[in-house]
């Protein structure tokens, strides 16, 4: 599987926004996940993430200081939490609220088409 990459951050300017979350999706053959910051305010950040078969590197766990509410808009993925025995399969319409510092990883994303996520990061 392809590795995940870190979020692309925008400095003190606003990115060019698509008018639709499904606009300008990268090709399903992309070698890296793509991240588009849609909105950032104090204590809040909203991103569109597009995966095409990527997963977290072996033995890697996210351990974020902020909370994250994530929704799969298209495609599917396996999301694993360090405190759970098996990954959760997320399909279009499924969402989960991840508490700050709850260790998690992406075990897999669909390789046959894009998996589109909406991630909302918030101060806890």
PDB file of N, CA and C in Angstrom:
ATOM      1  N   UNK A   1       0.829  -1.186   0.000  1.00  0.00           N
ATOM      2  CA  UNK A   1       0.000   0.000   0.000  1.00  0.00           C
ATOM      3  C   UNK A   1       0.871   1.247   0.000  1.00  0.00           C
ATOM      4  N   UNK A   2       0.299   2.330  -0.469  1.00  0.00           N
ATOM      5  CA  UNK A   2       1.022   3.594  -0.555  1.00  0.00           C
ATOM      6  C   UNK A   2       1.024   4.291   0.803  1.00  0.00           C
ATOM      7  N   UNK A   3       2.096   4.991   1.157  1.00  0.00           N
ATOM      8  CA  UNK A   3       2.134   5.678   2.449  1.00  0.00           C
ATOM      9  C   UNK A   3       1.304   6.944   2.457  1.00  0.00           C
ATOM     10  N   UNK A   4       0.891   7.342   3.664  1.00  0.00           N
ATOM     11  CA  UNK A   4       0.218   8.629   3.844  1.00  0.00           C
ATOM     12  C   UNK A   4       1.266   9.718   3.904  1.00  0.00           C
ATOM     13  N   UNK A   5       0.868  10.919   3.642  1.00  0.00           N
ATOM     14  CA  UNK A   5       1.765  12.055   3.732  1.00  0.00           C
ATOM     15  C   UNK A   5       1.160  13.097   4.654  1.00  0.00           C
ATOM     16  N   UNK A   6       1.975  14.013   5.152  1.00  0.00           N
ATOM     17  CA  UNK A   6       1.514  15.030   6.080  1.00  0.00           C
ATOM     18  C   UNK A   6       0.624  16.052   5.385  1.00  0.00           C
ATOM     19  N   UNK A   7      -0.179  16.714   6.199  1.00  0.00           N
ATOM     20  CA  UNK A   7      -1.107  17.730   5.709  1.00  0.00           C
ATOM     21  C   UNK A   7      -0.344  18.917   5.148  1.00  0.00           C
ATOM     22  N   UNK A   8      -0.773  19.388   4.001  1.00  0.00           N
ATOM     23  CA  UNK A   8      -0.213  20.607   3.425  1.00  0.00           C
ATOM     24  C   UNK A   8      -0.887  21.781   4.110  1.00  0.00           C
ATOM     25  N   UNK A   9      -0.105  22.654   4.694  1.00  0.00           N
ATOM     26  CA  UNK A   9      -0.631  23.800   5.424  1.00  0.00           C
ATOM     27  C   UNK A   9      -0.512  25.055   4.571  1.00  0.00           C
ATOM     28  N   UNK A  10      -1.430  25.953   4.757  1.00  0.00           N
ATOM     29  CA  UNK A  10      -1.381  27.242   4.105  1.00  0.00           C
ATOM     30  C   UNK A  10      -1.014  28.271   5.152  1.00  0.00           C
ATOM     31  N   UNK A  11      -0.136  29.178   4.827  1.00  0.00           N
ATOM     32  CA  UNK A  11       0.329  30.199   5.772  1.00  0.00           C
ATOM     33  C   UNK A  11      -0.797  31.187   6.043  1.00  0.00           C
ATOM     34  N   UNK A  12      -0.550  32.451   5.869  1.00  0.00           N
ATOM     35  CA  UNK A  12      -1.539  33.481   6.181  1.00  0.00           C
ATOM     36  C   UNK A  12      -2.370  33.881   4.978  1.00  0.00           C
ATOM     37  N   UNK A  13      -2.695  32.942   4.146  1.00  0.00           N
ATOM     38  CA  UNK A  13      -3.557  33.237   3.009  1.00  0.00           C
ATOM     39  C   UNK A  13      -4.566  32.119   2.846  1.00  0.00           C
ATOM     40  N   UNK A  14      -5.618  32.410   2.146  1.00  0.00           N
ATOM     41  CA  UNK A  14      -6.673  31.426   1.934  1.00  0.00           C
ATOM     42  C   UNK A  14      -6.404  30.667   0.646  1.00  0.00           C
ATOM     43  N   UNK A  15      -6.586  29.359   0.649  1.00  0.00           N
ATOM     44  CA  UNK A  15      -6.390  28.598  -0.583  1.00  0.00           C
ATOM     45  C   UNK A  15      -7.522  28.873  -1.578  1.00  0.00           C
ATOM     46  N   UNK A  16      -7.263  28.559  -2.822  1.00  0.00           N
ATOM     47  CA  UNK A  16      -8.308  28.659  -3.835  1.00  0.00           C
ATOM     48  C   UNK A  16      -9.267  27.508  -3.587  1.00  0.00           C
ATOM     49  N   UNK A  17     -10.529  27.833  -3.460  1.00  0.00           N
ATOM     50  CA  UNK A  17     -11.523  26.841  -3.077  1.00  0.00           C
ATOM     51  C   UNK A  17     -12.293  26.298  -4.278  1.00  0.00           C
ATOM     52  N   UNK A  18     -12.504  24.998  -4.309  1.00  0.00           N
ATOM     53  CA  UNK A  18     -13.462  24.489  -5.286  1.00  0.00           C
ATOM     54  C   UNK A  18     -14.863  24.845  -4.798  1.00  0.00           C
ATOM     55  N   UNK A  19     -15.813  24.906  -5.688  1.00  0.00           N
ATOM     56  CA  UNK A  19     -17.172  25.222  -5.287  1.00  0.00           C
ATOM     57  C   UNK A  19     -17.935  23.974  -4.885  1.00  0.00           C
ATOM     58  N   UNK A  20     -17.328  22.834  -5.048  1.00  0.00           N
ATOM     59  CA  UNK A  20     -17.955  21.557  -4.743  1.00  0.00           C
ATOM     60  C   UNK A  20     -16.889  20.645  -4.158  1.00  0.00           C
ATOM     61  N   UNK A  21     -17.216  19.875  -3.117  1.00  0.00           N
ATOM     62  CA  UNK A  21     -16.223  18.994  -2.490  1.00  0.00           C
ATOM     63  C   UNK A  21     -15.697  17.916  -3.442  1.00  0.00           C
ATOM     64  N   UNK A  22     -16.451  17.628  -4.492  1.00  0.00           N
ATOM     65  CA  UNK A  22     -16.021  16.606  -5.449  1.00  0.00           C
ATOM     66  C   UNK A  22     -15.351  17.209  -6.680  1.00  0.00           C
ATOM     67  N   UNK A  23     -15.201  18.530  -6.716  1.00  0.00           N
ATOM     68  CA  UNK A  23     -14.542  19.197  -7.839  1.00  0.00           C
ATOM     69  C   UNK A  23     -13.045  18.974  -7.769  1.00  0.00           C
ATOM     70  N   UNK A  24     -12.422  18.838  -8.904  1.00  0.00           N
ATOM     71  CA  UNK A  24     -10.968  18.744  -9.015  1.00  0.00           C
ATOM     72  C   UNK A  24     -10.368  17.618  -8.181  1.00  0.00           C
ATOM     73  N   UNK A  25     -11.034  16.476  -8.153  1.00  0.00           N
ATOM     74  CA  UNK A  25     -10.471  15.331  -7.435  1.00  0.00           C
ATOM     75  C   UNK A  25      -9.222  14.858  -8.162  1.00  0.00           C
ATOM     76  N   UNK A  26      -8.186  14.492  -7.417  1.00  0.00           N
ATOM     77  CA  UNK A  26      -6.999  13.955  -8.082  1.00  0.00           C
ATOM     78  C   UNK A  26      -7.315  12.604  -8.726  1.00  0.00           C
ATOM     79  N   UNK A  27      -6.486  12.219  -9.643  1.00  0.00           N
ATOM     80  CA  UNK A  27      -6.662  10.922 -10.304  1.00  0.00           C
ATOM     81  C   UNK A  27      -6.546   9.790  -9.305  1.00  0.00           C
ATOM     82  N   UNK A  28      -7.232   8.697  -9.572  1.00  0.00           N
ATOM     83  CA  UNK A  28      -7.174   7.548  -8.668  1.00  0.00           C
ATOM     84  C   UNK A  28      -5.803   6.895  -8.674  1.00  0.00           C
ATOM     85  N   UNK A  29      -4.941   7.302  -9.595  1.00  0.00           N
ATOM     86  CA  UNK A  29      -3.589   6.751  -9.642  1.00  0.00           C
ATOM     87  C   UNK A  29      -2.589   7.625  -8.879  1.00  0.00           C
ATOM     88  N   UNK A  30      -3.073   8.619  -8.156  1.00  0.00           N
ATOM     89  CA  UNK A  30      -2.179   9.501  -7.401  1.00  0.00           C
ATOM     90  C   UNK A  30      -1.349   8.684  -6.419  1.00  0.00           C
ATOM     91  N   UNK A  31      -0.080   9.036  -6.287  1.00  0.00           N
ATOM     92  CA  UNK A  31       0.796   8.277  -5.399  1.00  0.00           C
ATOM     93  C   UNK A  31       0.715   8.736  -3.954  1.00  0.00           C
ATOM     94  N   UNK A  32       0.139   9.905  -3.718  1.00  0.00           N
ATOM     95  CA  UNK A  32       0.037  10.436  -2.362  1.00  0.00           C
ATOM     96  C   UNK A  32      -1.378  10.931  -2.099  1.00  0.00           C
ATOM     97  N   UNK A  33      -1.779  10.866  -0.850  1.00  0.00           N
ATOM     98  CA  UNK A  33      -3.032  11.480  -0.455  1.00  0.00           C
ATOM     99  C   UNK A  33      -2.954  12.976  -0.713  1.00  0.00           C
ATOM    100  N   UNK A  34      -4.093  13.588  -0.997  1.00  0.00           N
ATOM    101  CA  UNK A  34      -4.106  15.039  -1.154  1.00  0.00           C
ATOM    102  C   UNK A  34      -4.976  15.659  -0.064  1.00  0.00           C
ATOM    103  N   UNK A  35      -4.546  16.814   0.394  1.00  0.00           N
ATOM    104  CA  UNK A  35      -5.216  17.538   1.470  1.00  0.00           C
ATOM    105  C   UNK A  35      -5.516  18.936   0.978  1.00  0.00           C
ATOM    106  N   UNK A  36      -6.746  19.386   1.178  1.00  0.00           N
ATOM    107  CA  UNK A  36      -7.128  20.738   0.813  1.00  0.00           C
ATOM    108  C   UNK A  36      -7.795  21.373   2.023  1.00  0.00           C
ATOM    109  N   UNK A  37      -7.182  22.408   2.532  1.00  0.00           N
ATOM    110  CA  UNK A  37      -7.766  23.130   3.661  1.00  0.00           C
ATOM    111  C   UNK A  37      -8.907  23.986   3.142  1.00  0.00           C
ATOM    112  N   UNK A  38     -10.110  23.753   3.653  1.00  0.00           N
ATOM    113  CA  UNK A  38     -11.292  24.475   3.202  1.00  0.00           C
ATOM    114  C   UNK A  38     -11.582  25.698   4.063  1.00  0.00           C
ATOM    115  N   UNK A  39     -11.283  25.580   5.356  1.00  0.00           N
ATOM    116  CA  UNK A  39     -11.565  26.676   6.270  1.00  0.00           C
ATOM    117  C   UNK A  39     -10.684  26.539   7.502  1.00  0.00           C
ATOM    118  N   UNK A  40     -10.164  27.656   7.975  1.00  0.00           N
ATOM    119  CA  UNK A  40      -9.417  27.647   9.228  1.00  0.00           C
ATOM    120  C   UNK A  40      -9.809  28.880  10.033  1.00  0.00           C
ATOM    121  N   UNK A  41     -10.144  28.636  11.280  1.00  0.00           N
ATOM    122  CA  UNK A  41     -10.473  29.680  12.236  1.00  0.00           C
ATOM    123  C   UNK A  41      -9.837  29.288  13.565  1.00  0.00           C
ATOM    124  N   UNK A  42      -9.729  30.192  14.501  1.00  0.00           N
ATOM    125  CA  UNK A  42      -9.161  29.807  15.800  1.00  0.00           C
ATOM    126  C   UNK A  42      -9.914  28.600  16.390  1.00  0.00           C
ATOM    127  N   UNK A  43      -9.184  27.553  16.663  1.00  0.00           N
ATOM    128  CA  UNK A  43      -9.767  26.349  17.249  1.00  0.00           C
ATOM    129  C   UNK A  43     -10.533  25.470  16.291  1.00  0.00           C
ATOM    130  N   UNK A  44     -10.474  25.747  14.958  1.00  0.00           N
ATOM    131  CA  UNK A  44     -11.241  24.981  13.977  1.00  0.00           C
ATOM    132  C   UNK A  44     -10.493  24.926  12.650  1.00  0.00           C
ATOM    133  N   UNK A  45     -10.438  23.740  12.056  1.00  0.00           N
ATOM    134  CA  UNK A  45      -9.859  23.575  10.719  1.00  0.00           C
ATOM    135  C   UNK A  45     -10.672  22.511   9.997  1.00  0.00           C
ATOM    136  N   UNK A  46     -11.071  22.794   8.767  1.00  0.00           N
ATOM    137  CA  UNK A  46     -11.832  21.835   7.959  1.00  0.00           C
ATOM    138  C   UNK A  46     -11.020  21.508   6.719  1.00  0.00           C
ATOM    139  N   UNK A  47     -10.873  20.213   6.447  1.00  0.00           N
ATOM    140  CA  UNK A  47     -10.071  19.751   5.306  1.00  0.00           C
ATOM    141  C   UNK A  47     -10.834  18.724   4.495  1.00  0.00           C
ATOM    142  N   UNK A  48     -10.558  18.737   3.200  1.00  0.00           N
ATOM    143  CA  UNK A  48     -10.961  17.634   2.320  1.00  0.00           C
ATOM    144  C   UNK A  48      -9.717  16.798   2.117  1.00  0.00           C
ATOM    145  N   UNK A  49      -9.837  15.509   2.346  1.00  0.00           N
ATOM    146  CA  UNK A  49      -8.729  14.574   2.150  1.00  0.00           C
ATOM    147  C   UNK A  49      -9.167  13.583   1.081  1.00  0.00           C
ATOM    148  N   UNK A  50      -8.305  13.322   0.112  1.00  0.00           N
ATOM    149  CA  UNK A  50      -8.611  12.344  -0.928  1.00  0.00           C
ATOM    150  C   UNK A  50      -7.528  11.275  -0.902  1.00  0.00           C
ATOM    151  N   UNK A  51      -7.960  10.031  -0.710  1.00  0.00           N
ATOM    152  CA  UNK A  51      -7.061   8.880  -0.664  1.00  0.00           C
ATOM    153  C   UNK A  51      -7.326   7.993  -1.873  1.00  0.00           C
ATOM    154  N   UNK A  52      -6.277   7.308  -2.319  1.00  0.00           N
ATOM    155  CA  UNK A  52      -6.411   6.372  -3.440  1.00  0.00           C
ATOM    156  C   UNK A  52      -5.531   5.160  -3.153  1.00  0.00           C
ATOM    157  N   UNK A  53      -5.900   4.406  -2.127  1.00  0.00           N
ATOM    158  CA  UNK A  53      -5.143   3.212  -1.762  1.00  0.00           C
ATOM    159  C   UNK A  53      -4.072   3.455  -0.715  1.00  0.00           C
ATOM    160  N   UNK A  54      -3.943   4.677  -0.214  1.00  0.00           N
ATOM    161  CA  UNK A  54      -2.910   4.958   0.784  1.00  0.00           C
ATOM    162  C   UNK A  54      -3.330   4.429   2.157  1.00  0.00           C
ATOM    163  N   UNK A  55      -2.317   4.246   3.008  1.00  0.00           N
ATOM    164  CA  UNK A  55      -2.546   3.826   4.388  1.00  0.00           C
ATOM    165  C   UNK A  55      -1.430   4.395   5.248  1.00  0.00           C
ATOM    166  N   UNK A  56      -1.603   4.297   6.555  1.00  0.00           N
ATOM    167  CA  UNK A  56      -0.559   4.751   7.470  1.00  0.00           C
ATOM    168  C   UNK A  56       0.639   3.809   7.383  1.00  0.00           C
ATOM    169  N   UNK A  57       1.851   4.336   7.573  1.00  0.00           N
ATOM    170  CA  UNK A  57       3.026   3.465   7.580  1.00  0.00           C
ATOM    171  C   UNK A  57       2.928   2.433   8.714  1.00  0.00           C
ATOM    172  N   UNK A  58       3.588   1.295   8.567  1.00  0.00           N
ATOM    173  CA  UNK A  58       3.561   0.281   9.626  1.00  0.00           C
ATOM    174  C   UNK A  58       4.004   0.886  10.966  1.00  0.00           C
ATOM    175  N   UNK A  59       3.320   0.507  12.025  1.00  0.00           N
ATOM    176  CA  UNK A  59       3.631   0.935  13.393  1.00  0.00           C
ATOM    177  C   UNK A  59       3.483   2.439  13.620  1.00  0.00           C
ATOM    178  N   UNK A  60       2.829   3.167  12.703  1.00  0.00           N
ATOM    179  CA  UNK A  60       2.595   4.600  12.883  1.00  0.00           C
ATOM    180  C   UNK A  60       1.194   4.808  13.447  1.00  0.00           C
ATOM    181  N   UNK A  61       1.089   5.705  14.428  1.00  0.00           N
ATOM    182  CA  UNK A  61      -0.208   6.070  15.006  1.00  0.00           C
ATOM    183  C   UNK A  61      -0.315   7.592  15.067  1.00  0.00           C
ATOM    184  N   UNK A  62      -1.445   8.121  14.636  1.00  0.00           N
ATOM    185  CA  UNK A  62      -1.727   9.532  14.867  1.00  0.00           C
ATOM    186  C   UNK A  62      -2.017   9.714  16.349  1.00  0.00           C
ATOM    187  N   UNK A  63      -1.503  10.788  16.921  1.00  0.00           N
ATOM    188  CA  UNK A  63      -1.763  11.154  18.313  1.00  0.00           C
ATOM    189  C   UNK A  63      -1.871  12.678  18.320  1.00  0.00           C
ATOM    190  N   UNK A  64      -3.056  13.177  18.030  1.00  0.00           N
ATOM    191  CA  UNK A  64      -3.270  14.598  17.770  1.00  0.00           C
ATOM    192  C   UNK A  64      -3.753  15.334  19.013  1.00  0.00           C
ATOM    193  N   UNK A  65      -3.296  16.565  19.199  1.00  0.00           N
ATOM    194  CA  UNK A  65      -3.738  17.332  20.365  1.00  0.00           C
ATOM    195  C   UNK A  65      -5.175  17.847  20.242  1.00  0.00           C
ATOM    196  N   UNK A  66      -5.710  17.905  19.011  1.00  0.00           N
ATOM    197  CA  UNK A  66      -7.070  18.384  18.816  1.00  0.00           C
ATOM    198  C   UNK A  66      -8.010  17.213  18.548  1.00  0.00           C
ATOM    199  N   UNK A  67      -9.313  17.463  18.694  1.00  0.00           N
ATOM    200  CA  UNK A  67     -10.299  16.472  18.316  1.00  0.00           C
ATOM    201  C   UNK A  67     -10.454  16.475  16.805  1.00  0.00           C
ATOM    202  N   UNK A  68     -10.969  15.370  16.271  1.00  0.00           N
ATOM    203  CA  UNK A  68     -11.197  15.277  14.822  1.00  0.00           C
ATOM    204  C   UNK A  68     -12.504  14.539  14.574  1.00  0.00           C
ATOM    205  N   UNK A  69     -13.402  15.210  13.879  1.00  0.00           N
ATOM    206  CA  UNK A  69     -14.635  14.579  13.417  1.00  0.00           C
ATOM    207  C   UNK A  69     -14.422  14.326  11.941  1.00  0.00           C
ATOM    208  N   UNK A  70     -14.551  13.069  11.525  1.00  0.00           N
ATOM    209  CA  UNK A  70     -14.268  12.728  10.133  1.00  0.00           C
ATOM    210  C   UNK A  70     -15.448  11.967   9.539  1.00  0.00           C
ATOM    211  N   UNK A  71     -15.754  12.327   8.275  1.00  0.00           N
ATOM    212  CA  UNK A  71     -16.867  11.747   7.533  1.00  0.00           C
ATOM    213  C   UNK A  71     -16.342  11.240   6.199  1.00  0.00           C
ATOM    214  N   UNK A  72     -16.689  10.015   5.835  1.00  0.00           N
ATOM    215  CA  UNK A  72     -16.355   9.495   4.510  1.00  0.00           C
ATOM    216  C   UNK A  72     -17.493   9.882   3.574  1.00  0.00           C
ATOM    217  N   UNK A  73     -17.161  10.681   2.575  1.00  0.00           N
ATOM    218  CA  UNK A  73     -18.158  11.135   1.605  1.00  0.00           C
ATOM    219  C   UNK A  73     -18.287  10.179   0.429  1.00  0.00           C
ATOM    220  N   UNK A  74     -17.185   9.529   0.083  1.00  0.00           N
ATOM    221  CA  UNK A  74     -17.141   8.624  -1.074  1.00  0.00           C
ATOM    222  C   UNK A  74     -16.051   7.604  -0.818  1.00  0.00           C
ATOM    223  N   UNK A  75     -16.256   6.376  -1.283  1.00  0.00           N
ATOM    224  CA  UNK A  75     -15.250   5.338  -1.126  1.00  0.00           C
ATOM    225  C   UNK A  75     -15.367   4.640   0.223  1.00  0.00           C
ATOM    226  N   UNK A  76     -14.271   4.030   0.655  1.00  0.00           N
ATOM    227  CA  UNK A  76     -14.259   3.355   1.942  1.00  0.00           C
ATOM    228  C   UNK A  76     -12.840   3.220   2.460  1.00  0.00           C
ATOM    229  N   UNK A  77     -12.753   2.963   3.768  1.00  0.00           N
ATOM    230  CA  UNK A  77     -11.451   2.897   4.420  1.00  0.00           C
ATOM    231  C   UNK A  77     -11.547   2.054   5.684  1.00  0.00           C
ATOM    232  N   UNK A  78     -10.391   1.600   6.143  1.00  0.00           N
ATOM    233  CA  UNK A  78     -10.289   0.909   7.421  1.00  0.00           C
ATOM    234  C   UNK A  78      -9.593   1.822   8.410  1.00  0.00           C
ATOM    235  N   UNK A  79     -10.276   2.186   9.474  1.00  0.00           N
ATOM    236  CA  UNK A  79      -9.731   3.069  10.503  1.00  0.00           C
ATOM    237  C   UNK A  79      -9.557   2.250  11.772  1.00  0.00           C
ATOM    238  N   UNK A  80      -8.330   2.210  12.277  1.00  0.00           N
ATOM    239  CA  UNK A  80      -8.035   1.410  13.468  1.00  0.00           C
ATOM    240  C   UNK A  80      -7.671   2.330  14.620  1.00  0.00           C
ATOM    241  N   UNK A  81      -8.170   1.979  15.805  1.00  0.00           N
ATOM    242  CA  UNK A  81      -7.820   2.674  17.039  1.00  0.00           C
ATOM    243  C   UNK A  81      -6.930   1.760  17.863  1.00  0.00           C
ATOM    244  N   UNK A  82      -5.960   2.340  18.543  1.00  0.00           N
ATOM    245  CA  UNK A  82      -5.013   1.541  19.336  1.00  0.00           C
ATOM    246  C   UNK A  82      -5.720   0.760  20.434  1.00  0.00           C
ATOM    247  N   UNK A  83      -6.866   1.263  20.908  1.00  0.00           N
ATOM    248  CA  UNK A  83      -7.577   0.602  22.001  1.00  0.00           C
ATOM    249  C   UNK A  83      -8.689  -0.339  21.517  1.00  0.00           C
ATOM    250  N   UNK A  84      -8.694  -0.655  20.223  1.00  0.00           N
ATOM    251  CA  UNK A  84      -9.678  -1.589  19.671  1.00  0.00           C
ATOM    252  C   UNK A  84      -8.944  -2.701  18.935  1.00  0.00           C
ATOM    253  N   UNK A  85      -9.497  -3.907  18.991  1.00  0.00           N
ATOM    254  CA  UNK A  85      -8.826  -5.077  18.409  1.00  0.00           C
ATOM    255  C   UNK A  85      -8.841  -5.094  16.887  1.00  0.00           C
ATOM    256  N   UNK A  86      -9.889  -4.578  16.281  1.00  0.00           N
ATOM    257  CA  UNK A  86     -10.024  -4.658  14.821  1.00  0.00           C
ATOM    258  C   UNK A  86     -10.316  -3.277  14.239  1.00  0.00           C
ATOM    259  N   UNK A  87      -9.963  -3.085  12.976  1.00  0.00           N
ATOM    260  CA  UNK A  87     -10.272  -1.797  12.341  1.00  0.00           C
ATOM    261  C   UNK A  87     -11.773  -1.654  12.098  1.00  0.00           C
ATOM    262  N   UNK A  88     -12.213  -0.412  12.052  1.00  0.00           N
ATOM    263  CA  UNK A  88     -13.596  -0.111  11.679  1.00  0.00           C
ATOM    264  C   UNK A  88     -13.620   0.148  10.178  1.00  0.00           C
ATOM    265  N   UNK A  89     -14.571  -0.451   9.491  1.00  0.00           N
ATOM    266  CA  UNK A  89     -14.741  -0.164   8.072  1.00  0.00           C
ATOM    267  C   UNK A  89     -15.691   1.013   7.953  1.00  0.00           C
ATOM    268  N   UNK A  90     -15.214   2.070   7.302  1.00  0.00           N
ATOM    269  CA  UNK A  90     -16.019   3.265   7.077  1.00  0.00           C
ATOM    270  C   UNK A  90     -16.368   3.335   5.598  1.00  0.00           C
ATOM    271  N   UNK A  91     -17.657   3.511   5.326  1.00  0.00           N
ATOM    272  CA  UNK A  91     -18.149   3.656   3.956  1.00  0.00           C
ATOM    273  C   UNK A  91     -18.817   5.017   3.819  1.00  0.00           C
ATOM    274  N   UNK A  92     -19.179   5.373   2.603  1.00  0.00           N
ATOM    275  CA  UNK A  92     -19.812   6.669   2.355  1.00  0.00           C
ATOM    276  C   UNK A  92     -20.956   6.889   3.337  1.00  0.00           C
ATOM    277  N   UNK A  93     -20.909   8.030   4.014  1.00  0.00           N
ATOM    278  CA  UNK A  93     -21.926   8.380   4.991  1.00  0.00           C
ATOM    279  C   UNK A  93     -21.532   8.076   6.421  1.00  0.00           C
ATOM    280  N   UNK A  94     -20.521   7.238   6.629  1.00  0.00           N
ATOM    281  CA  UNK A  94     -20.074   6.900   7.980  1.00  0.00           C
ATOM    282  C   UNK A  94     -19.176   7.997   8.531  1.00  0.00           C
ATOM    283  N   UNK A  95     -19.317   8.276   9.823  1.00  0.00           N
ATOM    284  CA  UNK A  95     -18.479   9.282  10.462  1.00  0.00           C
ATOM    285  C   UNK A  95     -18.092   8.808  11.850  1.00  0.00           C
ATOM    286  N   UNK A  96     -17.042   9.437  12.372  1.00  0.00           N
ATOM    287  CA  UNK A  96     -16.554   9.113  13.715  1.00  0.00           C
ATOM    288  C   UNK A  96     -15.940  10.370  14.317  1.00  0.00           C
ATOM    289  N   UNK A  97     -16.105  10.516  15.622  1.00  0.00           N
ATOM    290  CA  UNK A  97     -15.502  11.618  16.358  1.00  0.00           C
ATOM    291  C   UNK A  97     -14.311  11.043  17.120  1.00  0.00           C
ATOM    292  N   UNK A  98     -13.129  11.555  16.839  1.00  0.00           N
ATOM    293  CA  UNK A  98     -11.893  11.042  17.439  1.00  0.00           C
ATOM    294  C   UNK A  98     -11.438  12.020  18.521  1.00  0.00           C
ATOM    295  N   UNK A  99     -11.410  11.564  19.735  1.00  0.00           N
ATOM    296  CA  UNK A  99     -11.015  12.414  20.868  1.00  0.00           C
ATOM    297  C   UNK A  99      -9.540  12.791  20.762  1.00  0.00           C
ATOM    298  N   UNK A 100      -9.176  13.937  21.323  1.00  0.00           N
ATOM    299  CA  UNK A 100      -7.755  14.310  21.338  1.00  0.00           C
ATOM    300  C   UNK A 100      -6.905  13.202  21.954  1.00  0.00           C
ATOM    301  N   UNK A 101      -5.767  12.960  21.356  1.00  0.00           N
ATOM    302  CA  UNK A 101      -4.775  11.973  21.801  1.00  0.00           C
ATOM    303  C   UNK A 101      -5.271  10.527  21.753  1.00  0.00           C
ATOM    304  N   UNK A 102      -6.388  10.266  21.089  1.00  0.00           N
ATOM    305  CA  UNK A 102      -6.797   8.876  20.889  1.00  0.00           C
ATOM    306  C   UNK A 102      -6.022   8.356  19.680  1.00  0.00           C
ATOM    307  N   UNK A 103      -5.133   7.441  19.950  1.00  0.00           N
ATOM    308  CA  UNK A 103      -4.251   6.943  18.896  1.00  0.00           C
ATOM    309  C   UNK A 103      -5.043   6.168  17.853  1.00  0.00           C
ATOM    310  N   UNK A 104      -4.803   6.531  16.579  1.00  0.00           N
ATOM    311  CA  UNK A 104      -5.506   5.895  15.476  1.00  0.00           C
ATOM    312  C   UNK A 104      -4.620   5.884  14.238  1.00  0.00           C
ATOM    313  N   UNK A 105      -5.017   5.074  13.276  1.00  0.00           N
ATOM    314  CA  UNK A 105      -4.283   4.948  12.021  1.00  0.00           C
ATOM    315  C   UNK A 105      -5.251   4.529  10.919  1.00  0.00           C
ATOM    316  N   UNK A 106      -4.841   4.750   9.678  1.00  0.00           N
ATOM    317  CA  UNK A 106      -5.615   4.299   8.523  1.00  0.00           C
ATOM    318  C   UNK A 106      -4.980   2.997   8.055  1.00  0.00           C
ATOM    319  N   UNK A 107      -5.719   1.900   8.195  1.00  0.00           N
ATOM    320  CA  UNK A 107      -5.198   0.589   7.779  1.00  0.00           C
ATOM    321  C   UNK A 107      -5.233   0.416   6.267  1.00  0.00           C
ATOM    322  N   UNK A 108      -6.249   0.960   5.617  1.00  0.00           N
ATOM    323  CA  UNK A 108      -6.382   0.840   4.168  1.00  0.00           C
ATOM    324  C   UNK A 108      -7.412   1.845   3.668  1.00  0.00           C
ATOM    325  N   UNK A 109      -7.304   2.184   2.404  1.00  0.00           N
ATOM    326  CA  UNK A 109      -8.346   2.924   1.691  1.00  0.00           C
ATOM    327  C   UNK A 109      -8.569   2.222   0.360  1.00  0.00           C
ATOM    328  N   UNK A 110      -9.748   2.399  -0.192  1.00  0.00           N
ATOM    329  CA  UNK A 110     -10.099   1.736  -1.448  1.00  0.00           C
ATOM    330  C   UNK A 110      -9.088   2.087  -2.533  1.00  0.00           C
ATOM    331  N   UNK A 111      -8.652   1.077  -3.257  1.00  0.00           N
ATOM    332  CA  UNK A 111      -7.681   1.280  -4.329  1.00  0.00           C
ATOM    333  C   UNK A 111      -8.358   1.409  -5.693  1.00  0.00           C
ATOM    334  N   UNK A 112      -9.658   1.100  -5.764  1.00  0.00           N
ATOM    335  CA  UNK A 112     -10.354   1.107  -7.047  1.00  0.00           C
ATOM    336  C   UNK A 112     -11.033   2.436  -7.367  1.00  0.00           C
ATOM    337  N   UNK A 113     -10.833   3.431  -6.538  1.00  0.00           N
ATOM    338  CA  UNK A 113     -11.405   4.751  -6.763  1.00  0.00           C
ATOM    339  C   UNK A 113     -11.088   5.631  -5.575  1.00  0.00           C
ATOM    340  N   UNK A 114     -11.337   6.919  -5.687  1.00  0.00           N
ATOM    341  CA  UNK A 114     -10.969   7.805  -4.582  1.00  0.00           C
ATOM    342  C   UNK A 114     -11.856   7.627  -3.358  1.00  0.00           C
ATOM    343  N   UNK A 115     -11.230   7.743  -2.204  1.00  0.00           N
ATOM    344  CA  UNK A 115     -11.958   7.854  -0.942  1.00  0.00           C
ATOM    345  C   UNK A 115     -11.863   9.322  -0.553  1.00  0.00           C
ATOM    346  N   UNK A 116     -13.015   9.961  -0.420  1.00  0.00           N
ATOM    347  CA  UNK A 116     -13.065  11.391  -0.112  1.00  0.00           C
ATOM    348  C   UNK A 116     -13.547  11.535   1.330  1.00  0.00           C
ATOM    349  N   UNK A 117     -12.732  12.213   2.133  1.00  0.00           N
ATOM    350  CA  UNK A 117     -13.014  12.439   3.542  1.00  0.00           C
ATOM    351  C   UNK A 117     -13.286  13.929   3.765  1.00  0.00           C
ATOM    352  N   UNK A 118     -14.130  14.225   4.731  1.00  0.00           N
ATOM    353  CA  UNK A 118     -14.277  15.569   5.250  1.00  0.00           C
ATOM    354  C   UNK A 118     -13.825  15.498   6.709  1.00  0.00           C
ATOM    355  N   UNK A 119     -12.761  16.207   7.047  1.00  0.00           N
ATOM    356  CA  UNK A 119     -12.198  16.163   8.395  1.00  0.00           C
ATOM    357  C   UNK A 119     -12.353  17.526   9.042  1.00  0.00           C
ATOM    358  N   UNK A 120     -12.917  17.521  10.229  1.00  0.00           N
ATOM    359  CA  UNK A 120     -13.087  18.745  10.995  1.00  0.00           C
ATOM    360  C   UNK A 120     -12.268  18.604  12.271  1.00  0.00           C
ATOM    361  N   UNK A 121     -11.233  19.426  12.397  1.00  0.00           N
ATOM    362  CA  UNK A 121     -10.363  19.431  13.568  1.00  0.00           C
ATOM    363  C   UNK A 121     -10.806  20.571  14.476  1.00  0.00           C
ATOM    364  N   UNK A 122     -10.912  20.295  15.765  1.00  0.00           N
ATOM    365  CA  UNK A 122     -11.418  21.303  16.684  1.00  0.00           C
ATOM    366  C   UNK A 122     -10.638  21.265  18.004  1.00  0.00           C
ATOM    367  N   UNK A 123     -10.562  22.429  18.644  1.00  0.00           N
ATOM    368  CA  UNK A 123      -9.906  22.509  19.940  1.00  0.00           C
ATOM    369  C   UNK A 123     -10.773  21.804  20.969  1.00  0.00           C
ATOM    370  N   UNK A 124     -10.116  21.056  21.834  1.00  0.00           N
ATOM    371  CA  UNK A 124     -10.872  20.301  22.843  1.00  0.00           C
ATOM    372  C   UNK A 124     -11.003  21.092  24.127  1.00  0.00           C
TER     373      UNK A 124
END
